[in-house]
Amino acid sequence: MSRLKILGQNIAKYRQKKNLSQEKLAELVDLSREYVTRVERGQKNISLKKLFAIADALDVKFCELTNFD
């Protein structure tokens, strides 16, 4: 499985743990819901700046989102 796909799955997992919809997460980090959907599916190459914003919004460490083990 690609690292982008794993990254997306990690984001989705922590988003769901916080009971956030994709739309709400997108609103919190000033992105579109479609963008968040593509990131979670591993279809979008996300910038570090946006990834840091997502980690902050989900209240998780950056390294938790980028854990590829």
PDB file of N, CA and C in Angstrom:
ATOM      1  N   MET A   1       0.848  -1.177   0.000  1.00  0.00           N
ATOM      2  CA  MET A   1       0.000   0.000   0.000  1.00  0.00           C
ATOM      3  C   MET A   1       0.895   1.243   0.000  1.00  0.00           C
ATOM      4  N   SER A   2       0.494   2.265  -0.742  1.00  0.00           N
ATOM      5  CA  SER A   2       1.311   3.473  -0.842  1.00  0.00           C
ATOM      6  C   SER A   2       1.276   4.275   0.461  1.00  0.00           C
ATOM      7  N   ARG A   3       2.300   5.059   0.652  1.00  0.00           N
ATOM      8  CA  ARG A   3       2.364   5.896   1.857  1.00  0.00           C
ATOM      9  C   ARG A   3       1.264   6.949   1.871  1.00  0.00           C
ATOM     10  N   LEU A   4       0.903   7.463   0.695  1.00  0.00           N
ATOM     11  CA  LEU A   4      -0.195   8.436   0.649  1.00  0.00           C
ATOM     12  C   LEU A   4      -1.505   7.805   1.105  1.00  0.00           C
ATOM     13  N   LYS A   5      -1.714   6.555   0.719  1.00  0.00           N
ATOM     14  CA  LYS A   5      -2.932   5.843   1.118  1.00  0.00           C
ATOM     15  C   LYS A   5      -2.940   5.618   2.638  1.00  0.00           C
ATOM     16  N   ILE A   6      -1.804   5.204   3.192  1.00  0.00           N
ATOM     17  CA  ILE A   6      -1.702   4.985   4.638  1.00  0.00           C
ATOM     18  C   ILE A   6      -1.903   6.304   5.383  1.00  0.00           C
ATOM     19  N   LEU A   7      -1.290   7.368   4.887  1.00  0.00           N
ATOM     20  CA  LEU A   7      -1.471   8.686   5.492  1.00  0.00           C
ATOM     21  C   LEU A   7      -2.956   9.057   5.523  1.00  0.00           C
ATOM     22  N   GLY A   8      -3.627   8.855   4.410  1.00  0.00           N
ATOM     23  CA  GLY A   8      -5.058   9.148   4.338  1.00  0.00           C
ATOM     24  C   GLY A   8      -5.871   8.315   5.309  1.00  0.00           C
ATOM     25  N   GLN A   9      -5.525   7.049   5.435  1.00  0.00           N
ATOM     26  CA  GLN A   9      -6.231   6.180   6.377  1.00  0.00           C
ATOM     27  C   GLN A   9      -6.005   6.641   7.816  1.00  0.00           C
ATOM     28  N   ASN A  10      -4.783   7.079   8.109  1.00  0.00           N
ATOM     29  CA  ASN A  10      -4.490   7.586   9.451  1.00  0.00           C
ATOM     30  C   ASN A  10      -5.303   8.846   9.748  1.00  0.00           C
ATOM     31  N   ILE A  11      -5.384   9.743   8.789  1.00  0.00           N
ATOM     32  CA  ILE A  11      -6.180  10.960   8.974  1.00  0.00           C
ATOM     33  C   ILE A  11      -7.635  10.594   9.216  1.00  0.00           C
ATOM     34  N   ALA A  12      -8.170   9.698   8.399  1.00  0.00           N
ATOM     35  CA  ALA A  12      -9.573   9.281   8.548  1.00  0.00           C
ATOM     36  C   ALA A  12      -9.810   8.639   9.913  1.00  0.00           C
ATOM     37  N   LYS A  13      -8.868   7.809  10.352  1.00  0.00           N
ATOM     38  CA  LYS A  13      -9.009   7.130  11.645  1.00  0.00           C
ATOM     39  C   LYS A  13      -9.097   8.138  12.784  1.00  0.00           C
ATOM     40  N   TYR A  14      -8.184   9.103  12.820  1.00  0.00           N
ATOM     41  CA  TYR A  14      -8.197  10.091  13.899  1.00  0.00           C
ATOM     42  C   TYR A  14      -9.370  11.060  13.768  1.00  0.00           C
ATOM     43  N   ARG A  15      -9.779  11.353  12.545  1.00  0.00           N
ATOM     44  CA  ARG A  15     -10.953  12.209  12.344  1.00  0.00           C
ATOM     45  C   ARG A  15     -12.199  11.533  12.910  1.00  0.00           C
ATOM     46  N   GLN A  16     -12.338  10.249  12.636  1.00  0.00           N
ATOM     47  CA  GLN A  16     -13.498   9.505  13.125  1.00  0.00           C
ATOM     48  C   GLN A  16     -13.467   9.356  14.645  1.00  0.00           C
ATOM     49  N   LYS A  17     -12.274   9.195  15.215  1.00  0.00           N
ATOM     50  CA  LYS A  17     -12.157   9.124  16.680  1.00  0.00           C
ATOM     51  C   LYS A  17     -12.634  10.416  17.343  1.00  0.00           C
ATOM     52  N   LYS A  18     -12.457  11.537  16.652  1.00  0.00           N
ATOM     53  CA  LYS A  18     -12.908  12.833  17.169  1.00  0.00           C
ATOM     54  C   LYS A  18     -14.366  13.113  16.788  1.00  0.00           C
ATOM     55  N   ASN A  19     -15.000  12.145  16.126  1.00  0.00           N
ATOM     56  CA  ASN A  19     -16.391  12.300  15.674  1.00  0.00           C
ATOM     57  C   ASN A  19     -16.581  13.528  14.792  1.00  0.00           C
ATOM     58  N   LEU A  20     -15.618  13.746  13.901  1.00  0.00           N
ATOM     59  CA  LEU A  20     -15.699  14.856  12.959  1.00  0.00           C
ATOM     60  C   LEU A  20     -16.055  14.334  11.573  1.00  0.00           C
ATOM     61  N   SER A  21     -16.892  15.048  10.887  1.00  0.00           N
ATOM     62  CA  SER A  21     -17.164  14.735   9.486  1.00  0.00           C
ATOM     63  C   SER A  21     -16.018  15.295   8.646  1.00  0.00           C
ATOM     64  N   GLN A  22     -15.917  14.831   7.412  1.00  0.00           N
ATOM     65  CA  GLN A  22     -14.922  15.400   6.511  1.00  0.00           C
ATOM     66  C   GLN A  22     -15.193  16.887   6.315  1.00  0.00           C
ATOM     67  N   GLU A  23     -16.455  17.237   6.241  1.00  0.00           N
ATOM     68  CA  GLU A  23     -16.831  18.639   6.048  1.00  0.00           C
ATOM     69  C   GLU A  23     -16.370  19.507   7.224  1.00  0.00           C
ATOM     70  N   LYS A  24     -16.554  19.020   8.446  1.00  0.00           N
ATOM     71  CA  LYS A  24     -16.144  19.782   9.630  1.00  0.00           C
ATOM     72  C   LYS A  24     -14.623  19.912   9.693  1.00  0.00           C
ATOM     73  N   LEU A  25     -13.900  18.822   9.416  1.00  0.00           N
ATOM     74  CA  LEU A  25     -12.439  18.894   9.395  1.00  0.00           C
ATOM     75  C   LEU A  25     -11.985  19.897   8.342  1.00  0.00           C
ATOM     76  N   ALA A  26     -12.579  19.832   7.173  1.00  0.00           N
ATOM     77  CA  ALA A  26     -12.225  20.767   6.101  1.00  0.00           C
ATOM     78  C   ALA A  26     -12.432  22.210   6.543  1.00  0.00           C
ATOM     79  N   GLU A  27     -13.533  22.456   7.217  1.00  0.00           N
ATOM     80  CA  GLU A  27     -13.833  23.803   7.720  1.00  0.00           C
ATOM     81  C   GLU A  27     -12.781  24.255   8.732  1.00  0.00           C
ATOM     82  N   LEU A  28     -12.372  23.353   9.615  1.00  0.00           N
ATOM     83  CA  LEU A  28     -11.393  23.696  10.654  1.00  0.00           C
ATOM     84  C   LEU A  28     -10.029  24.065  10.084  1.00  0.00           C
ATOM     85  N   VAL A  29      -9.672  23.457   8.952  1.00  0.00           N
ATOM     86  CA  VAL A  29      -8.339  23.686   8.377  1.00  0.00           C
ATOM     87  C   VAL A  29      -8.391  24.496   7.083  1.00  0.00           C
ATOM     88  N   ASP A  30      -9.560  25.064   6.794  1.00  0.00           N
ATOM     89  CA  ASP A  30      -9.738  25.939   5.633  1.00  0.00           C
ATOM     90  C   ASP A  30      -9.416  25.236   4.311  1.00  0.00           C
ATOM     91  N   LEU A  31      -9.983  24.040   4.157  1.00  0.00           N
ATOM     92  CA  LEU A  31      -9.869  23.275   2.917  1.00  0.00           C
ATOM     93  C   LEU A  31     -11.274  22.897   2.463  1.00  0.00           C
ATOM     94  N   SER A  32     -11.390  22.410   1.248  1.00  0.00           N
ATOM     95  CA  SER A  32     -12.695  21.925   0.791  1.00  0.00           C
ATOM     96  C   SER A  32     -12.897  20.484   1.258  1.00  0.00           C
ATOM     97  N   ARG A  33     -14.149  20.082   1.370  1.00  0.00           N
ATOM     98  CA  ARG A  33     -14.445  18.699   1.738  1.00  0.00           C
ATOM     99  C   ARG A  33     -13.896  17.756   0.680  1.00  0.00           C
ATOM    100  N   GLU A  34     -13.972  18.159  -0.577  1.00  0.00           N
ATOM    101  CA  GLU A  34     -13.459  17.327  -1.667  1.00  0.00           C
ATOM    102  C   GLU A  34     -11.958  17.091  -1.522  1.00  0.00           C
ATOM    103  N   TYR A  35     -11.234  18.121  -1.101  1.00  0.00           N
ATOM    104  CA  TYR A  35      -9.794  17.987  -0.891  1.00  0.00           C
ATOM    105  C   TYR A  35      -9.519  16.970   0.209  1.00  0.00           C
ATOM    106  N   VAL A  36     -10.233  17.087   1.328  1.00  0.00           N
ATOM    107  CA  VAL A  36     -10.060  16.150   2.441  1.00  0.00           C
ATOM    108  C   VAL A  36     -10.385  14.732   1.987  1.00  0.00           C
ATOM    109  N   THR A  37     -11.436  14.569   1.215  1.00  0.00           N
ATOM    110  CA  THR A  37     -11.806  13.249   0.692  1.00  0.00           C
ATOM    111  C   THR A  37     -10.670  12.660  -0.129  1.00  0.00           C
ATOM    112  N   ARG A  38     -10.097  13.457  -1.013  1.00  0.00           N
ATOM    113  CA  ARG A  38      -9.006  12.967  -1.871  1.00  0.00           C
ATOM    114  C   ARG A  38      -7.756  12.631  -1.059  1.00  0.00           C
ATOM    115  N   VAL A  39      -7.481  13.418  -0.025  1.00  0.00           N
ATOM    116  CA  VAL A  39      -6.337  13.123   0.851  1.00  0.00           C
ATOM    117  C   VAL A  39      -6.569  11.797   1.564  1.00  0.00           C
ATOM    118  N   GLU A  40      -7.764  11.612   2.116  1.00  0.00           N
ATOM    119  CA  GLU A  40      -8.064  10.380   2.852  1.00  0.00           C
ATOM    120  C   GLU A  40      -8.042   9.153   1.943  1.00  0.00           C
ATOM    121  N   ARG A  41      -8.313   9.327   0.684  1.00  0.00           N
ATOM    122  CA  ARG A  41      -8.263   8.209  -0.273  1.00  0.00           C
ATOM    123  C   ARG A  41      -6.860   7.974  -0.826  1.00  0.00           C
ATOM    124  N   GLY A  42      -5.919   8.838  -0.459  1.00  0.00           N
ATOM    125  CA  GLY A  42      -4.554   8.706  -0.963  1.00  0.00           C
ATOM    126  C   GLY A  42      -4.404   9.188  -2.384  1.00  0.00           C
ATOM    127  N   GLN A  43      -5.309  10.052  -2.820  1.00  0.00           N
ATOM    128  CA  GLN A  43      -5.312  10.543  -4.197  1.00  0.00           C
ATOM    129  C   GLN A  43      -4.726  11.941  -4.335  1.00  0.00           C
ATOM    130  N   LYS A  44      -4.349  12.550  -3.225  1.00  0.00           N
ATOM    131  CA  LYS A  44      -3.864  13.930  -3.244  1.00  0.00           C
ATOM    132  C   LYS A  44      -2.552  14.022  -2.494  1.00  0.00           C
ATOM    133  N   ASN A  45      -1.581  14.662  -3.105  1.00  0.00           N
ATOM    134  CA  ASN A  45      -0.294  14.906  -2.462  1.00  0.00           C
ATOM    135  C   ASN A  45      -0.438  16.170  -1.618  1.00  0.00           C
ATOM    136  N   ILE A  46      -0.416  16.023  -0.312  1.00  0.00           N
ATOM    137  CA  ILE A  46      -0.697  17.126   0.606  1.00  0.00           C
ATOM    138  C   ILE A  46       0.592  17.806   1.048  1.00  0.00           C
ATOM    139  N   SER A  47       0.538  19.119   1.235  1.00  0.00           N
ATOM    140  CA  SER A  47       1.713  19.857   1.699  1.00  0.00           C
ATOM    141  C   SER A  47       1.906  19.645   3.203  1.00  0.00           C
ATOM    142  N   LEU A  48       3.116  19.863   3.646  1.00  0.00           N
ATOM    143  CA  LEU A  48       3.401  19.751   5.080  1.00  0.00           C
ATOM    144  C   LEU A  48       2.592  20.767   5.878  1.00  0.00           C
ATOM    145  N   LYS A  49       2.454  21.965   5.353  1.00  0.00           N
ATOM    146  CA  LYS A  49       1.695  23.011   6.043  1.00  0.00           C
ATOM    147  C   LYS A  49       0.258  22.555   6.298  1.00  0.00           C
ATOM    148  N   LYS A  50      -0.366  21.961   5.296  1.00  0.00           N
ATOM    149  CA  LYS A  50      -1.743  21.482   5.444  1.00  0.00           C
ATOM    150  C   LYS A  50      -1.799  20.278   6.376  1.00  0.00           C
ATOM    151  N   LEU A  51      -0.795  19.430   6.307  1.00  0.00           N
ATOM    152  CA  LEU A  51      -0.751  18.259   7.177  1.00  0.00           C
ATOM    153  C   LEU A  51      -0.579  18.669   8.641  1.00  0.00           C
ATOM    154  N   PHE A  52       0.251  19.670   8.897  1.00  0.00           N
ATOM    155  CA  PHE A  52       0.393  20.193  10.263  1.00  0.00           C
ATOM    156  C   PHE A  52      -0.938  20.754  10.758  1.00  0.00           C
ATOM    157  N   ALA A  53      -1.658  21.464   9.893  1.00  0.00           N
ATOM    158  CA  ALA A  53      -2.960  22.034  10.274  1.00  0.00           C
ATOM    159  C   ALA A  53      -3.955  20.930  10.614  1.00  0.00           C
ATOM    160  N   ILE A  54      -3.935  19.849   9.843  1.00  0.00           N
ATOM    161  CA  ILE A  54      -4.834  18.722  10.115  1.00  0.00           C
ATOM    162  C   ILE A  54      -4.471  18.070  11.443  1.00  0.00           C
ATOM    163  N   ALA A  55      -3.183  17.863  11.681  1.00  0.00           N
ATOM    164  CA  ALA A  55      -2.745  17.271  12.957  1.00  0.00           C
ATOM    165  C   ALA A  55      -3.205  18.140  14.128  1.00  0.00           C
ATOM    166  N   ASP A  56      -3.066  19.444  14.001  1.00  0.00           N
ATOM    167  CA  ASP A  56      -3.509  20.355  15.063  1.00  0.00           C
ATOM    168  C   ASP A  56      -5.017  20.269  15.265  1.00  0.00           C
ATOM    169  N   ALA A  57      -5.771  20.252  14.173  1.00  0.00           N
ATOM    170  CA  ALA A  57      -7.234  20.189  14.266  1.00  0.00           C
ATOM    171  C   ALA A  57      -7.700  18.884  14.905  1.00  0.00           C
ATOM    172  N   LEU A  58      -6.961  17.806  14.648  1.00  0.00           N
ATOM    173  CA  LEU A  58      -7.317  16.502  15.208  1.00  0.00           C
ATOM    174  C   LEU A  58      -6.706  16.289  16.592  1.00  0.00           C
ATOM    175  N   ASP A  59      -5.868  17.229  17.018  1.00  0.00           N
ATOM    176  CA  ASP A  59      -5.200  17.156  18.318  1.00  0.00           C
ATOM    177  C   ASP A  59      -4.365  15.883  18.447  1.00  0.00           C
ATOM    178  N   VAL A  60      -3.606  15.603  17.381  1.00  0.00           N
ATOM    179  CA  VAL A  60      -2.690  14.462  17.387  1.00  0.00           C
ATOM    180  C   VAL A  60      -1.304  14.949  16.981  1.00  0.00           C
ATOM    181  N   LYS A  61      -0.308  14.182  17.356  1.00  0.00           N
ATOM    182  CA  LYS A  61       1.051  14.500  16.952  1.00  0.00           C
ATOM    183  C   LYS A  61       1.206  14.217  15.462  1.00  0.00           C
ATOM    184  N   PHE A  62       2.005  15.053  14.816  1.00  0.00           N
ATOM    185  CA  PHE A  62       2.289  14.882  13.396  1.00  0.00           C
ATOM    186  C   PHE A  62       2.762  13.460  13.102  1.00  0.00           C
ATOM    187  N   CYS A  63       3.615  12.927  13.980  1.00  0.00           N
ATOM    188  CA  CYS A  63       4.181  11.595  13.759  1.00  0.00           C
ATOM    189  C   CYS A  63       3.118  10.501  13.792  1.00  0.00           C
ATOM    190  N   GLU A  64       1.992  10.747  14.464  1.00  0.00           N
ATOM    191  CA  GLU A  64       0.920   9.753  14.479  1.00  0.00           C
ATOM    192  C   GLU A  64       0.260   9.651  13.106  1.00  0.00           C
ATOM    193  N   LEU A  65       0.157  10.768  12.417  1.00  0.00           N
ATOM    194  CA  LEU A  65      -0.427  10.745  11.075  1.00  0.00           C
ATOM    195  C   LEU A  65       0.523  10.116  10.066  1.00  0.00           C
ATOM    196  N   THR A  66       1.819  10.273  10.307  1.00  0.00           N
ATOM    197  CA  THR A  66       2.809   9.775   9.350  1.00  0.00           C
ATOM    198  C   THR A  66       3.429   8.452   9.779  1.00  0.00           C
ATOM    199  N   ASN A  67       2.758   7.717  10.649  1.00  0.00           N
ATOM    200  CA  ASN A  67       3.228   6.393  11.061  1.00  0.00           C
ATOM    201  C   ASN A  67       2.849   5.392   9.975  1.00  0.00           C
ATOM    202  N   PHE A  68       3.850   4.902   9.251  1.00  0.00           N
ATOM    203  CA  PHE A  68       3.604   4.003   8.124  1.00  0.00           C
ATOM    204  C   PHE A  68       3.849   2.537   8.461  1.00  0.00           C
ATOM    205  N   ASP A  69       4.007   2.222   9.739  1.00  0.00           N
ATOM    206  CA  ASP A  69       4.250   0.823  10.147  1.00  0.00           C
ATOM    207  C   ASP A  69       2.971   0.026  10.172  1.00  0.00           C
TER     208      ASP A  69
END
